[in-house]
């Protein structure tokens, strides 16, 4: 997991909302180029955590049937931290990757406590991946928001190599960061491979960072 780094003179930090009754509420955004698999990740999570749903969520689509806004079910999890029980309420939002809706992406990102960047393994998606990742860094450069990078569609033929992908986004060449999270999570969202792992690792990182554990 890596946090988007703030300038040295900027100490802004994003923190989840914690209520006096032990309820922690935060927001996770799925970000990435169009048709990279953000909505598919979203659907796999709904299937996996169907028993924790607090709402059914809703979706807004463009006239072409592409997702413009998808607001997830609110998921509820329980954590024991420093001998105290907390109930974590997680809102999950996916944002459109279409270029003409750039302004909506900035709106969706507002208030995010963590981000999962979904990249596409197709080689002809290199520029779209790079552009979307640059946008993400630009939108978060004044905030310390943890994010995880997922490289989706690893089952396609002639997928981009993992090392080439890391070089393209100027990511660490290591397999993992010092905290144990992967620099890039290879995934197949259609089958659910590594979808839940990305989500759970990001939740843990948000909680650890908040409590300075």
N, C-alpha and C. Protein backbone atom coordinates (compact mmCIF):
# COMPACT_ATOMS: atom_id res chain seq x y z
N UNK A 1 0.85 -1.19 0.00
CA UNK A 1 0.00 0.00 0.00
C UNK A 1 0.88 1.23 0.00
N UNK A 2 0.49 2.22 -0.76
CA UNK A 2 1.22 3.48 -0.83
C UNK A 2 0.25 4.61 -0.61
N UNK A 3 0.69 5.64 0.12
CA UNK A 3 -0.12 6.83 0.30
C UNK A 3 0.30 7.87 -0.71
N UNK A 4 -0.68 8.60 -1.22
CA UNK A 4 -0.35 9.71 -2.10
C UNK A 4 0.33 10.77 -1.27
N UNK A 5 1.55 11.15 -1.66
CA UNK A 5 2.37 12.00 -0.82
C UNK A 5 2.00 13.47 -0.98
N UNK A 6 1.87 14.16 0.14
CA UNK A 6 1.58 15.59 0.14
C UNK A 6 2.88 16.36 0.04
N UNK A 7 2.83 17.61 -0.48
CA UNK A 7 4.02 18.46 -0.46
C UNK A 7 4.50 18.67 0.97
N UNK A 8 5.77 19.03 1.13
CA UNK A 8 6.36 19.14 2.46
C UNK A 8 5.66 20.17 3.33
N UNK A 9 5.06 21.18 2.72
CA UNK A 9 4.40 22.21 3.51
C UNK A 9 2.91 21.96 3.67
N UNK A 10 2.47 20.77 3.33
CA UNK A 10 1.05 20.43 3.42
C UNK A 10 0.89 19.24 4.34
N UNK A 11 0.17 19.40 5.43
CA UNK A 11 0.01 18.33 6.42
C UNK A 11 -1.41 17.79 6.44
N UNK A 12 -2.17 18.06 5.38
CA UNK A 12 -3.55 17.59 5.33
C UNK A 12 -3.61 16.07 5.39
N UNK A 13 -4.44 15.52 6.24
CA UNK A 13 -4.64 14.09 6.32
C UNK A 13 -6.12 13.79 6.26
N UNK A 14 -6.43 12.67 5.59
CA UNK A 14 -7.82 12.24 5.51
C UNK A 14 -8.06 11.20 6.59
N UNK A 15 -9.07 11.41 7.41
CA UNK A 15 -9.36 10.49 8.49
C UNK A 15 -10.81 10.04 8.42
N UNK A 16 -11.05 8.76 8.74
CA UNK A 16 -12.43 8.29 8.78
C UNK A 16 -13.20 8.99 9.89
N UNK A 17 -14.52 8.98 9.78
CA UNK A 17 -15.37 9.54 10.83
C UNK A 17 -15.56 8.50 11.93
N UNK A 18 -15.15 8.83 13.13
CA UNK A 18 -15.31 7.92 14.26
C UNK A 18 -16.25 8.52 15.27
N UNK A 19 -17.32 7.80 15.57
CA UNK A 19 -18.34 8.28 16.49
C UNK A 19 -18.07 7.73 17.90
N UNK A 20 -18.65 8.38 18.89
CA UNK A 20 -18.39 8.02 20.27
C UNK A 20 -18.86 6.62 20.64
N UNK A 21 -19.77 6.06 19.88
CA UNK A 21 -20.27 4.73 20.19
C UNK A 21 -19.43 3.63 19.53
N UNK A 22 -18.24 3.97 19.03
CA UNK A 22 -17.35 2.96 18.46
C UNK A 22 -17.61 2.64 17.01
N UNK A 23 -18.38 3.45 16.32
CA UNK A 23 -18.64 3.22 14.90
C UNK A 23 -17.66 4.04 14.07
N UNK A 24 -16.94 3.38 13.16
CA UNK A 24 -16.03 4.05 12.24
C UNK A 24 -16.67 4.03 10.86
N UNK A 25 -16.73 5.17 10.22
CA UNK A 25 -17.31 5.24 8.88
C UNK A 25 -16.29 5.81 7.91
N UNK A 26 -16.05 5.09 6.82
CA UNK A 26 -15.15 5.63 5.80
C UNK A 26 -15.58 5.21 4.41
N UNK A 27 -14.93 5.80 3.43
CA UNK A 27 -15.33 5.67 2.04
C UNK A 27 -14.15 5.17 1.19
N UNK A 28 -14.42 4.14 0.37
CA UNK A 28 -13.42 3.61 -0.55
C UNK A 28 -13.90 3.84 -1.97
N UNK A 29 -13.01 4.37 -2.81
CA UNK A 29 -13.34 4.66 -4.20
C UNK A 29 -12.57 3.73 -5.13
N UNK A 30 -13.27 3.16 -6.10
CA UNK A 30 -12.64 2.39 -7.18
C UNK A 30 -12.42 3.32 -8.36
N UNK A 31 -11.17 3.42 -8.78
CA UNK A 31 -10.75 4.40 -9.78
C UNK A 31 -10.01 3.68 -10.90
N UNK A 32 -10.09 4.16 -12.12
CA UNK A 32 -9.33 3.57 -13.22
C UNK A 32 -9.93 3.92 -14.56
N UNK A 33 -9.26 3.56 -15.64
CA UNK A 33 -9.76 3.88 -16.98
C UNK A 33 -11.06 3.15 -17.29
N UNK A 34 -11.76 3.61 -18.32
CA UNK A 34 -13.03 3.00 -18.70
C UNK A 34 -12.90 1.53 -19.04
N UNK A 35 -13.84 0.73 -18.54
CA UNK A 35 -13.93 -0.70 -18.81
C UNK A 35 -12.74 -1.51 -18.29
N UNK A 36 -12.06 -0.98 -17.27
CA UNK A 36 -10.94 -1.73 -16.70
C UNK A 36 -11.39 -2.81 -15.72
N UNK A 37 -12.65 -2.69 -15.24
CA UNK A 37 -13.18 -3.71 -14.33
C UNK A 37 -13.61 -3.19 -12.98
N UNK A 38 -13.82 -1.88 -12.86
CA UNK A 38 -14.22 -1.30 -11.57
C UNK A 38 -15.59 -1.83 -11.13
N UNK A 39 -16.55 -1.81 -12.06
CA UNK A 39 -17.89 -2.29 -11.72
C UNK A 39 -17.89 -3.79 -11.43
N UNK A 40 -17.06 -4.54 -12.14
CA UNK A 40 -16.98 -5.99 -11.90
C UNK A 40 -16.41 -6.26 -10.52
N UNK A 41 -15.39 -5.51 -10.10
CA UNK A 41 -14.88 -5.62 -8.74
C UNK A 41 -16.00 -5.35 -7.74
N UNK A 42 -16.74 -4.29 -8.00
CA UNK A 42 -17.86 -3.89 -7.15
C UNK A 42 -18.87 -5.03 -6.98
N UNK A 43 -19.23 -5.66 -8.09
CA UNK A 43 -20.22 -6.74 -8.05
C UNK A 43 -19.70 -7.96 -7.29
N UNK A 44 -18.41 -8.29 -7.48
CA UNK A 44 -17.84 -9.43 -6.74
C UNK A 44 -17.86 -9.17 -5.24
N UNK A 45 -17.60 -7.92 -4.84
CA UNK A 45 -17.64 -7.60 -3.40
C UNK A 45 -19.05 -7.74 -2.85
N UNK A 46 -20.04 -7.28 -3.60
CA UNK A 46 -21.42 -7.41 -3.15
C UNK A 46 -21.79 -8.88 -2.96
N UNK A 47 -21.30 -9.73 -3.85
CA UNK A 47 -21.58 -11.17 -3.72
C UNK A 47 -20.88 -11.76 -2.49
N UNK A 48 -19.64 -11.37 -2.28
CA UNK A 48 -18.86 -11.93 -1.19
C UNK A 48 -19.39 -11.49 0.17
N UNK A 49 -19.75 -10.22 0.28
CA UNK A 49 -20.15 -9.67 1.57
C UNK A 49 -21.66 -9.40 1.64
N UNK A 50 -22.43 -10.21 0.96
CA UNK A 50 -23.88 -9.99 0.91
C UNK A 50 -24.51 -10.01 2.31
N UNK A 51 -23.91 -10.78 3.23
CA UNK A 51 -24.47 -10.89 4.58
C UNK A 51 -24.17 -9.67 5.45
N UNK A 52 -23.29 -8.78 4.98
CA UNK A 52 -22.95 -7.59 5.77
C UNK A 52 -23.61 -6.33 5.23
N UNK A 53 -24.44 -6.47 4.20
CA UNK A 53 -25.02 -5.30 3.56
C UNK A 53 -25.96 -4.55 4.49
N UNK A 54 -25.85 -3.22 4.47
CA UNK A 54 -26.77 -2.36 5.19
C UNK A 54 -27.75 -1.67 4.24
N UNK A 55 -27.34 -1.53 2.97
CA UNK A 55 -28.19 -0.94 1.93
C UNK A 55 -27.97 -1.72 0.64
N UNK A 56 -28.83 -1.50 -0.33
CA UNK A 56 -28.69 -2.18 -1.62
C UNK A 56 -27.92 -1.36 -2.64
N UNK A 57 -27.72 -0.07 -2.37
CA UNK A 57 -26.97 0.77 -3.28
C UNK A 57 -27.76 1.12 -4.53
N UNK A 58 -27.14 1.91 -5.40
CA UNK A 58 -27.80 2.30 -6.65
C UNK A 58 -26.74 2.58 -7.70
N UNK A 59 -27.17 2.63 -8.96
CA UNK A 59 -26.25 2.86 -10.07
C UNK A 59 -26.84 3.86 -11.04
N UNK A 60 -25.99 4.73 -11.58
CA UNK A 60 -26.39 5.66 -12.63
C UNK A 60 -25.55 5.35 -13.86
N UNK A 61 -26.21 5.12 -15.00
CA UNK A 61 -25.50 4.77 -16.23
C UNK A 61 -25.65 5.86 -17.27
N UNK A 62 -24.69 5.90 -18.20
CA UNK A 62 -24.78 6.82 -19.34
C UNK A 62 -25.75 6.22 -20.35
N UNK A 63 -26.03 6.99 -21.41
CA UNK A 63 -26.94 6.50 -22.45
C UNK A 63 -26.35 5.31 -23.19
N UNK A 64 -25.01 5.13 -23.12
CA UNK A 64 -24.37 3.97 -23.76
C UNK A 64 -24.34 2.75 -22.85
N UNK A 65 -24.93 2.87 -21.66
CA UNK A 65 -24.95 1.74 -20.74
C UNK A 65 -23.69 1.59 -19.91
N UNK A 66 -22.80 2.60 -19.93
CA UNK A 66 -21.58 2.57 -19.14
C UNK A 66 -21.85 3.19 -17.77
N UNK A 67 -21.16 2.69 -16.74
CA UNK A 67 -21.39 3.18 -15.39
C UNK A 67 -20.85 4.59 -15.23
N UNK A 68 -21.72 5.49 -14.80
CA UNK A 68 -21.31 6.86 -14.49
C UNK A 68 -21.04 6.99 -13.00
N UNK A 69 -21.88 6.36 -12.21
CA UNK A 69 -21.77 6.44 -10.74
C UNK A 69 -22.37 5.16 -10.17
N UNK A 70 -21.66 4.52 -9.27
CA UNK A 70 -22.18 3.31 -8.63
C UNK A 70 -21.90 3.43 -7.15
N UNK A 71 -22.95 3.59 -6.37
CA UNK A 71 -22.80 3.74 -4.93
C UNK A 71 -23.16 2.41 -4.29
N UNK A 72 -22.21 1.83 -3.60
CA UNK A 72 -22.36 0.48 -3.10
C UNK A 72 -23.32 0.40 -1.93
N UNK A 73 -23.63 -0.81 -1.62
CA UNK A 73 -24.16 -1.13 -0.31
C UNK A 73 -23.18 -0.59 0.72
N UNK A 74 -23.69 -0.22 1.88
CA UNK A 74 -22.79 0.08 2.99
C UNK A 74 -22.50 -1.24 3.69
N UNK A 75 -21.24 -1.60 3.82
CA UNK A 75 -20.86 -2.86 4.43
C UNK A 75 -20.44 -2.63 5.88
N UNK A 76 -20.75 -3.59 6.73
CA UNK A 76 -20.45 -3.46 8.15
C UNK A 76 -19.49 -4.56 8.59
N UNK A 77 -18.39 -4.15 9.26
CA UNK A 77 -17.40 -5.09 9.77
C UNK A 77 -17.07 -4.74 11.22
N UNK A 78 -16.62 -5.74 11.97
CA UNK A 78 -16.26 -5.52 13.36
C UNK A 78 -14.76 -5.74 13.56
N UNK A 79 -14.11 -4.82 14.28
CA UNK A 79 -12.69 -4.90 14.59
C UNK A 79 -12.49 -4.74 16.09
N UNK A 80 -11.49 -5.45 16.64
CA UNK A 80 -11.04 -5.21 18.00
C UNK A 80 -9.70 -4.49 17.93
N UNK A 81 -9.65 -3.26 18.43
CA UNK A 81 -8.45 -2.45 18.35
C UNK A 81 -8.15 -1.91 19.74
N UNK A 82 -6.95 -2.22 20.22
CA UNK A 82 -6.55 -1.77 21.57
C UNK A 82 -7.61 -2.15 22.61
N UNK A 83 -8.07 -3.38 22.51
CA UNK A 83 -9.05 -3.94 23.46
C UNK A 83 -10.40 -3.23 23.43
N UNK A 84 -10.66 -2.51 22.38
CA UNK A 84 -11.96 -1.88 22.23
C UNK A 84 -12.60 -2.33 20.92
N UNK A 85 -13.91 -2.58 20.95
CA UNK A 85 -14.61 -3.06 19.77
C UNK A 85 -15.10 -1.89 18.92
N UNK A 86 -14.89 -1.99 17.62
CA UNK A 86 -15.35 -0.97 16.67
C UNK A 86 -16.16 -1.63 15.57
N UNK A 87 -17.19 -0.93 15.17
CA UNK A 87 -17.99 -1.37 14.03
C UNK A 87 -17.66 -0.46 12.85
N UNK A 88 -17.11 -1.03 11.78
CA UNK A 88 -16.68 -0.25 10.62
C UNK A 88 -17.75 -0.29 9.55
N UNK A 89 -18.26 0.88 9.20
CA UNK A 89 -19.24 1.02 8.12
C UNK A 89 -18.50 1.55 6.89
N UNK A 90 -18.50 0.78 5.83
CA UNK A 90 -17.73 1.14 4.64
C UNK A 90 -18.65 1.46 3.47
N UNK A 91 -18.49 2.65 2.91
CA UNK A 91 -19.18 3.04 1.69
C UNK A 91 -18.23 2.82 0.52
N UNK A 92 -18.70 2.14 -0.52
CA UNK A 92 -17.86 1.88 -1.68
C UNK A 92 -18.47 2.57 -2.89
N UNK A 93 -17.63 3.31 -3.61
CA UNK A 93 -18.09 4.05 -4.78
C UNK A 93 -17.17 3.74 -5.95
N UNK A 94 -17.73 3.49 -7.13
CA UNK A 94 -16.93 3.40 -8.34
C UNK A 94 -17.20 4.63 -9.18
N UNK A 95 -16.18 5.14 -9.85
CA UNK A 95 -16.37 6.33 -10.68
C UNK A 95 -16.06 6.00 -12.13
N UNK A 96 -16.69 6.73 -13.02
CA UNK A 96 -16.52 6.49 -14.44
C UNK A 96 -15.08 6.74 -14.88
N UNK A 97 -14.62 5.98 -15.86
CA UNK A 97 -13.30 6.20 -16.42
C UNK A 97 -13.34 6.95 -17.73
N UNK A 98 -14.53 7.32 -18.18
CA UNK A 98 -14.65 8.00 -19.47
C UNK A 98 -14.12 9.43 -19.37
N UNK A 99 -13.37 9.83 -20.38
CA UNK A 99 -12.67 11.11 -20.36
C UNK A 99 -13.61 12.30 -20.21
N UNK A 100 -14.76 12.25 -20.86
CA UNK A 100 -15.63 13.43 -20.86
C UNK A 100 -16.32 13.66 -19.51
N UNK A 101 -16.16 12.70 -18.59
CA UNK A 101 -16.76 12.85 -17.26
C UNK A 101 -15.69 13.06 -16.19
N UNK A 102 -14.58 13.70 -16.58
CA UNK A 102 -13.49 13.93 -15.64
C UNK A 102 -13.94 14.69 -14.40
N UNK A 103 -14.79 15.69 -14.58
CA UNK A 103 -15.23 16.50 -13.44
C UNK A 103 -16.00 15.68 -12.42
N UNK A 104 -16.74 14.66 -12.87
CA UNK A 104 -17.48 13.83 -11.92
C UNK A 104 -16.55 12.97 -11.09
N UNK A 105 -15.39 12.61 -11.64
CA UNK A 105 -14.45 11.78 -10.90
C UNK A 105 -13.89 12.53 -9.70
N UNK A 106 -13.61 13.81 -9.89
CA UNK A 106 -13.10 14.61 -8.77
C UNK A 106 -14.17 14.72 -7.68
N UNK A 107 -15.42 14.83 -8.08
CA UNK A 107 -16.51 14.90 -7.11
C UNK A 107 -16.63 13.58 -6.34
N UNK A 108 -16.56 12.47 -7.06
CA UNK A 108 -16.68 11.15 -6.41
C UNK A 108 -15.54 10.92 -5.43
N UNK A 109 -14.35 11.41 -5.77
CA UNK A 109 -13.18 11.20 -4.93
C UNK A 109 -13.24 12.01 -3.63
N UNK A 110 -14.04 13.07 -3.60
CA UNK A 110 -14.12 13.93 -2.42
C UNK A 110 -14.52 13.12 -1.19
N UNK A 111 -13.75 13.23 -0.14
CA UNK A 111 -14.05 12.54 1.11
C UNK A 111 -13.58 11.10 1.17
N UNK A 112 -12.82 10.66 0.16
CA UNK A 112 -12.36 9.26 0.15
C UNK A 112 -11.31 9.04 1.23
N UNK A 113 -11.38 7.89 1.88
CA UNK A 113 -10.39 7.50 2.88
C UNK A 113 -9.41 6.48 2.32
N UNK A 114 -9.73 5.89 1.18
CA UNK A 114 -8.85 4.93 0.53
C UNK A 114 -9.30 4.72 -0.91
N UNK A 115 -8.35 4.34 -1.77
CA UNK A 115 -8.64 4.19 -3.19
C UNK A 115 -8.03 2.89 -3.71
N UNK A 116 -8.78 2.19 -4.56
CA UNK A 116 -8.25 1.04 -5.28
C UNK A 116 -8.22 1.41 -6.76
N UNK A 117 -7.01 1.50 -7.31
CA UNK A 117 -6.83 1.84 -8.71
C UNK A 117 -6.90 0.56 -9.53
N UNK A 118 -7.84 0.48 -10.47
CA UNK A 118 -8.02 -0.70 -11.31
C UNK A 118 -7.45 -0.41 -12.69
N UNK A 119 -6.36 -1.09 -13.04
CA UNK A 119 -5.75 -0.94 -14.36
C UNK A 119 -6.13 -2.13 -15.24
N UNK A 120 -5.99 -1.93 -16.55
CA UNK A 120 -6.37 -2.93 -17.55
C UNK A 120 -5.12 -3.57 -18.14
N UNK A 121 -5.08 -4.91 -18.20
CA UNK A 121 -3.91 -5.64 -18.67
C UNK A 121 -3.71 -5.60 -20.19
N UNK A 122 -4.72 -5.15 -20.94
CA UNK A 122 -4.55 -5.08 -22.39
C UNK A 122 -3.40 -4.12 -22.74
N UNK A 123 -2.53 -4.54 -23.65
CA UNK A 123 -1.37 -3.72 -24.00
C UNK A 123 -1.79 -2.41 -24.66
N UNK A 124 -2.91 -2.41 -25.36
CA UNK A 124 -3.34 -1.17 -26.01
C UNK A 124 -4.00 -0.20 -25.04
N UNK A 125 -4.01 -0.56 -23.74
CA UNK A 125 -4.55 0.33 -22.71
C UNK A 125 -3.46 1.05 -21.93
N UNK A 126 -2.23 0.99 -22.41
CA UNK A 126 -1.12 1.60 -21.68
C UNK A 126 -1.35 3.08 -21.41
N UNK A 127 -1.68 3.82 -22.45
CA UNK A 127 -1.84 5.26 -22.29
C UNK A 127 -3.02 5.60 -21.40
N UNK A 128 -4.11 4.85 -21.53
CA UNK A 128 -5.27 5.10 -20.67
C UNK A 128 -4.94 4.82 -19.21
N UNK A 129 -4.18 3.73 -18.96
CA UNK A 129 -3.76 3.43 -17.60
C UNK A 129 -2.90 4.55 -17.02
N UNK A 130 -1.94 4.99 -17.80
CA UNK A 130 -1.03 6.04 -17.35
C UNK A 130 -1.78 7.35 -17.08
N UNK A 131 -2.67 7.71 -18.00
CA UNK A 131 -3.41 8.96 -17.85
C UNK A 131 -4.30 8.92 -16.61
N UNK A 132 -4.98 7.80 -16.41
CA UNK A 132 -5.88 7.68 -15.26
C UNK A 132 -5.10 7.70 -13.95
N UNK A 133 -3.93 7.07 -13.94
CA UNK A 133 -3.12 7.05 -12.73
C UNK A 133 -2.58 8.45 -12.42
N UNK A 134 -2.17 9.18 -13.45
CA UNK A 134 -1.71 10.56 -13.25
C UNK A 134 -2.83 11.43 -12.69
N UNK A 135 -4.05 11.23 -13.20
CA UNK A 135 -5.19 11.98 -12.69
C UNK A 135 -5.41 11.69 -11.21
N UNK A 136 -5.30 10.42 -10.86
CA UNK A 136 -5.48 10.02 -9.46
C UNK A 136 -4.46 10.72 -8.57
N UNK A 137 -3.20 10.69 -8.96
CA UNK A 137 -2.16 11.33 -8.17
C UNK A 137 -2.38 12.84 -8.10
N UNK A 138 -2.83 13.43 -9.19
CA UNK A 138 -3.08 14.86 -9.22
C UNK A 138 -4.20 15.26 -8.27
N UNK A 139 -5.26 14.47 -8.26
CA UNK A 139 -6.40 14.77 -7.40
C UNK A 139 -6.08 14.57 -5.92
N UNK A 140 -5.11 13.71 -5.62
CA UNK A 140 -4.83 13.37 -4.21
C UNK A 140 -3.51 13.94 -3.71
N UNK A 141 -2.84 14.77 -4.50
CA UNK A 141 -1.49 15.19 -4.13
C UNK A 141 -1.44 16.04 -2.85
N UNK A 142 -2.55 16.65 -2.45
CA UNK A 142 -2.56 17.46 -1.24
C UNK A 142 -3.16 16.71 -0.05
N UNK A 143 -3.38 15.42 -0.22
CA UNK A 143 -3.97 14.62 0.85
C UNK A 143 -3.19 13.32 0.99
N UNK A 144 -3.18 12.79 2.18
CA UNK A 144 -2.52 11.50 2.40
C UNK A 144 -3.58 10.39 2.37
N UNK A 145 -3.90 9.96 1.18
CA UNK A 145 -4.92 8.93 1.01
C UNK A 145 -4.25 7.63 0.58
N UNK A 146 -4.37 6.57 1.37
CA UNK A 146 -3.76 5.29 0.97
C UNK A 146 -4.46 4.72 -0.26
N UNK A 147 -3.67 4.12 -1.13
CA UNK A 147 -4.26 3.48 -2.31
C UNK A 147 -3.55 2.17 -2.62
N UNK A 148 -4.27 1.30 -3.29
CA UNK A 148 -3.76 0.01 -3.75
C UNK A 148 -3.93 -0.05 -5.25
N UNK A 149 -2.95 -0.64 -5.94
CA UNK A 149 -2.99 -0.77 -7.39
C UNK A 149 -3.32 -2.22 -7.76
N UNK A 150 -4.39 -2.39 -8.51
CA UNK A 150 -4.77 -3.71 -9.01
C UNK A 150 -4.62 -3.72 -10.53
N UNK A 151 -3.95 -4.76 -11.04
CA UNK A 151 -3.85 -4.96 -12.50
C UNK A 151 -4.82 -6.07 -12.87
N UNK A 152 -5.93 -5.69 -13.45
CA UNK A 152 -7.03 -6.61 -13.72
C UNK A 152 -6.86 -7.30 -15.09
N UNK A 153 -7.67 -8.31 -15.31
CA UNK A 153 -7.73 -9.06 -16.59
C UNK A 153 -6.43 -9.81 -16.87
N UNK A 154 -5.87 -10.44 -15.85
CA UNK A 154 -4.63 -11.18 -16.03
C UNK A 154 -4.82 -12.47 -16.81
N UNK A 155 -6.05 -12.82 -17.12
CA UNK A 155 -6.33 -14.06 -17.86
C UNK A 155 -6.35 -13.85 -19.37
N UNK A 156 -6.20 -12.63 -19.85
CA UNK A 156 -6.27 -12.41 -21.29
C UNK A 156 -4.95 -12.82 -21.95
N UNK A 157 -5.02 -13.13 -23.24
CA UNK A 157 -3.82 -13.48 -23.99
C UNK A 157 -2.99 -12.22 -24.23
N UNK A 158 -1.67 -12.38 -24.21
CA UNK A 158 -0.74 -11.29 -24.46
C UNK A 158 -0.97 -10.09 -23.53
N UNK A 159 -1.19 -10.39 -22.26
CA UNK A 159 -1.35 -9.32 -21.27
C UNK A 159 -0.01 -8.64 -21.04
N UNK A 160 -0.04 -7.38 -20.66
CA UNK A 160 1.19 -6.66 -20.36
C UNK A 160 1.90 -7.33 -19.19
N UNK A 161 3.23 -7.39 -19.25
CA UNK A 161 4.00 -7.99 -18.18
C UNK A 161 3.92 -7.15 -16.91
N UNK A 162 4.01 -7.80 -15.78
CA UNK A 162 3.89 -7.10 -14.50
C UNK A 162 5.01 -6.08 -14.32
N UNK A 163 6.23 -6.45 -14.69
CA UNK A 163 7.36 -5.53 -14.55
C UNK A 163 7.22 -4.34 -15.50
N UNK A 164 6.76 -4.60 -16.72
CA UNK A 164 6.53 -3.51 -17.67
C UNK A 164 5.48 -2.54 -17.13
N UNK A 165 4.46 -3.10 -16.52
CA UNK A 165 3.41 -2.26 -15.95
C UNK A 165 3.96 -1.39 -14.82
N UNK A 166 4.77 -1.98 -13.94
CA UNK A 166 5.36 -1.20 -12.84
C UNK A 166 6.23 -0.08 -13.38
N UNK A 167 7.03 -0.38 -14.39
CA UNK A 167 7.89 0.65 -14.98
C UNK A 167 7.05 1.76 -15.60
N UNK A 168 5.96 1.38 -16.23
CA UNK A 168 5.10 2.35 -16.90
C UNK A 168 4.53 3.36 -15.92
N UNK A 169 4.14 2.89 -14.74
CA UNK A 169 3.57 3.79 -13.72
C UNK A 169 4.61 4.30 -12.73
N UNK A 170 5.88 3.91 -12.97
CA UNK A 170 6.98 4.32 -12.09
C UNK A 170 6.76 3.85 -10.66
N UNK A 171 6.35 2.60 -10.54
CA UNK A 171 6.14 1.98 -9.23
C UNK A 171 7.39 1.23 -8.80
N UNK A 172 7.44 0.87 -7.53
CA UNK A 172 8.56 0.10 -7.01
C UNK A 172 8.69 -1.23 -7.77
N UNK A 173 9.92 -1.67 -7.99
CA UNK A 173 10.15 -2.95 -8.67
C UNK A 173 10.02 -4.13 -7.71
N UNK A 174 9.92 -3.84 -6.41
CA UNK A 174 9.76 -4.90 -5.42
C UNK A 174 8.38 -5.54 -5.55
N UNK A 175 8.25 -6.76 -5.05
CA UNK A 175 6.94 -7.43 -5.07
C UNK A 175 6.00 -6.81 -4.04
N UNK A 176 6.56 -6.45 -2.86
CA UNK A 176 5.75 -5.92 -1.78
C UNK A 176 6.39 -4.68 -1.18
N UNK A 177 5.55 -3.84 -0.55
CA UNK A 177 6.04 -2.73 0.24
C UNK A 177 6.46 -3.24 1.61
N UNK A 178 7.19 -2.45 2.39
CA UNK A 178 7.61 -2.89 3.73
C UNK A 178 6.47 -3.32 4.64
N UNK A 179 5.27 -2.76 4.42
CA UNK A 179 4.14 -3.14 5.28
C UNK A 179 3.50 -4.47 4.88
N UNK A 180 4.01 -5.11 3.83
CA UNK A 180 3.52 -6.42 3.43
C UNK A 180 2.48 -6.41 2.33
N UNK A 181 1.96 -5.24 1.97
CA UNK A 181 1.00 -5.17 0.86
C UNK A 181 1.75 -5.21 -0.47
N UNK A 182 1.08 -5.73 -1.49
CA UNK A 182 1.71 -5.86 -2.80
C UNK A 182 1.79 -4.51 -3.50
N UNK A 183 2.87 -4.31 -4.25
CA UNK A 183 3.00 -3.11 -5.07
C UNK A 183 1.91 -3.11 -6.13
N UNK A 184 1.68 -4.27 -6.74
CA UNK A 184 0.60 -4.45 -7.72
C UNK A 184 -0.09 -5.78 -7.42
N UNK A 185 -1.41 -5.75 -7.35
CA UNK A 185 -2.19 -6.96 -7.14
C UNK A 185 -2.70 -7.46 -8.49
N UNK A 186 -2.15 -8.58 -9.01
CA UNK A 186 -2.72 -9.15 -10.23
C UNK A 186 -4.09 -9.73 -9.93
N UNK A 187 -5.04 -9.49 -10.81
CA UNK A 187 -6.42 -9.90 -10.49
C UNK A 187 -7.18 -10.33 -11.74
N UNK A 188 -8.21 -11.11 -11.49
CA UNK A 188 -9.19 -11.47 -12.53
C UNK A 188 -10.56 -11.21 -11.90
N UNK A 189 -11.08 -10.02 -12.12
CA UNK A 189 -12.31 -9.61 -11.43
C UNK A 189 -13.50 -10.48 -11.80
N UNK A 190 -13.53 -10.98 -13.05
CA UNK A 190 -14.66 -11.81 -13.47
C UNK A 190 -14.81 -13.04 -12.58
N UNK A 191 -13.70 -13.64 -12.18
CA UNK A 191 -13.75 -14.83 -11.32
C UNK A 191 -13.59 -14.48 -9.85
N UNK A 192 -13.25 -13.22 -9.57
CA UNK A 192 -13.08 -12.78 -8.18
C UNK A 192 -11.68 -12.91 -7.64
N UNK A 193 -10.72 -13.30 -8.49
CA UNK A 193 -9.35 -13.50 -8.01
C UNK A 193 -8.73 -12.19 -7.55
N UNK A 194 -8.32 -12.16 -6.29
CA UNK A 194 -7.66 -11.02 -5.64
C UNK A 194 -8.56 -9.79 -5.46
N UNK A 195 -9.83 -9.91 -5.74
CA UNK A 195 -10.75 -8.78 -5.54
C UNK A 195 -10.94 -8.50 -4.05
N UNK A 196 -11.25 -9.53 -3.29
CA UNK A 196 -11.47 -9.37 -1.86
C UNK A 196 -10.17 -9.02 -1.14
N UNK A 197 -9.05 -9.62 -1.58
CA UNK A 197 -7.77 -9.35 -0.95
C UNK A 197 -7.40 -7.86 -1.05
N UNK A 198 -7.62 -7.26 -2.21
CA UNK A 198 -7.35 -5.83 -2.38
C UNK A 198 -8.19 -5.01 -1.41
N UNK A 199 -9.46 -5.33 -1.35
CA UNK A 199 -10.39 -4.59 -0.51
C UNK A 199 -10.02 -4.72 0.97
N UNK A 200 -9.77 -5.95 1.41
CA UNK A 200 -9.45 -6.17 2.82
C UNK A 200 -8.12 -5.53 3.22
N UNK A 201 -7.13 -5.63 2.35
CA UNK A 201 -5.82 -5.03 2.66
C UNK A 201 -5.94 -3.51 2.78
N UNK A 202 -6.76 -2.91 1.93
CA UNK A 202 -6.92 -1.46 2.02
C UNK A 202 -7.63 -1.06 3.31
N UNK A 203 -8.65 -1.79 3.70
CA UNK A 203 -9.35 -1.50 4.95
C UNK A 203 -8.37 -1.58 6.13
N UNK A 204 -7.58 -2.64 6.17
CA UNK A 204 -6.62 -2.80 7.27
C UNK A 204 -5.64 -1.63 7.29
N UNK A 205 -5.16 -1.21 6.12
CA UNK A 205 -4.20 -0.11 6.07
C UNK A 205 -4.81 1.21 6.55
N UNK A 206 -6.05 1.44 6.20
CA UNK A 206 -6.73 2.66 6.65
C UNK A 206 -6.85 2.67 8.17
N UNK A 207 -7.25 1.53 8.72
CA UNK A 207 -7.42 1.42 10.17
C UNK A 207 -6.08 1.54 10.89
N UNK A 208 -5.05 0.85 10.39
CA UNK A 208 -3.72 0.91 11.02
C UNK A 208 -3.18 2.33 11.00
N UNK A 209 -3.37 3.01 9.89
CA UNK A 209 -2.85 4.37 9.78
C UNK A 209 -3.59 5.32 10.74
N UNK A 210 -4.89 5.14 10.85
CA UNK A 210 -5.66 6.02 11.72
C UNK A 210 -5.24 5.87 13.18
N UNK A 211 -5.06 4.61 13.62
CA UNK A 211 -4.74 4.36 15.03
C UNK A 211 -3.24 4.34 15.29
N UNK A 212 -2.44 4.63 14.24
CA UNK A 212 -0.98 4.65 14.38
C UNK A 212 -0.45 3.33 14.94
N UNK A 213 -0.97 2.24 14.42
CA UNK A 213 -0.55 0.91 14.90
C UNK A 213 0.60 0.36 14.06
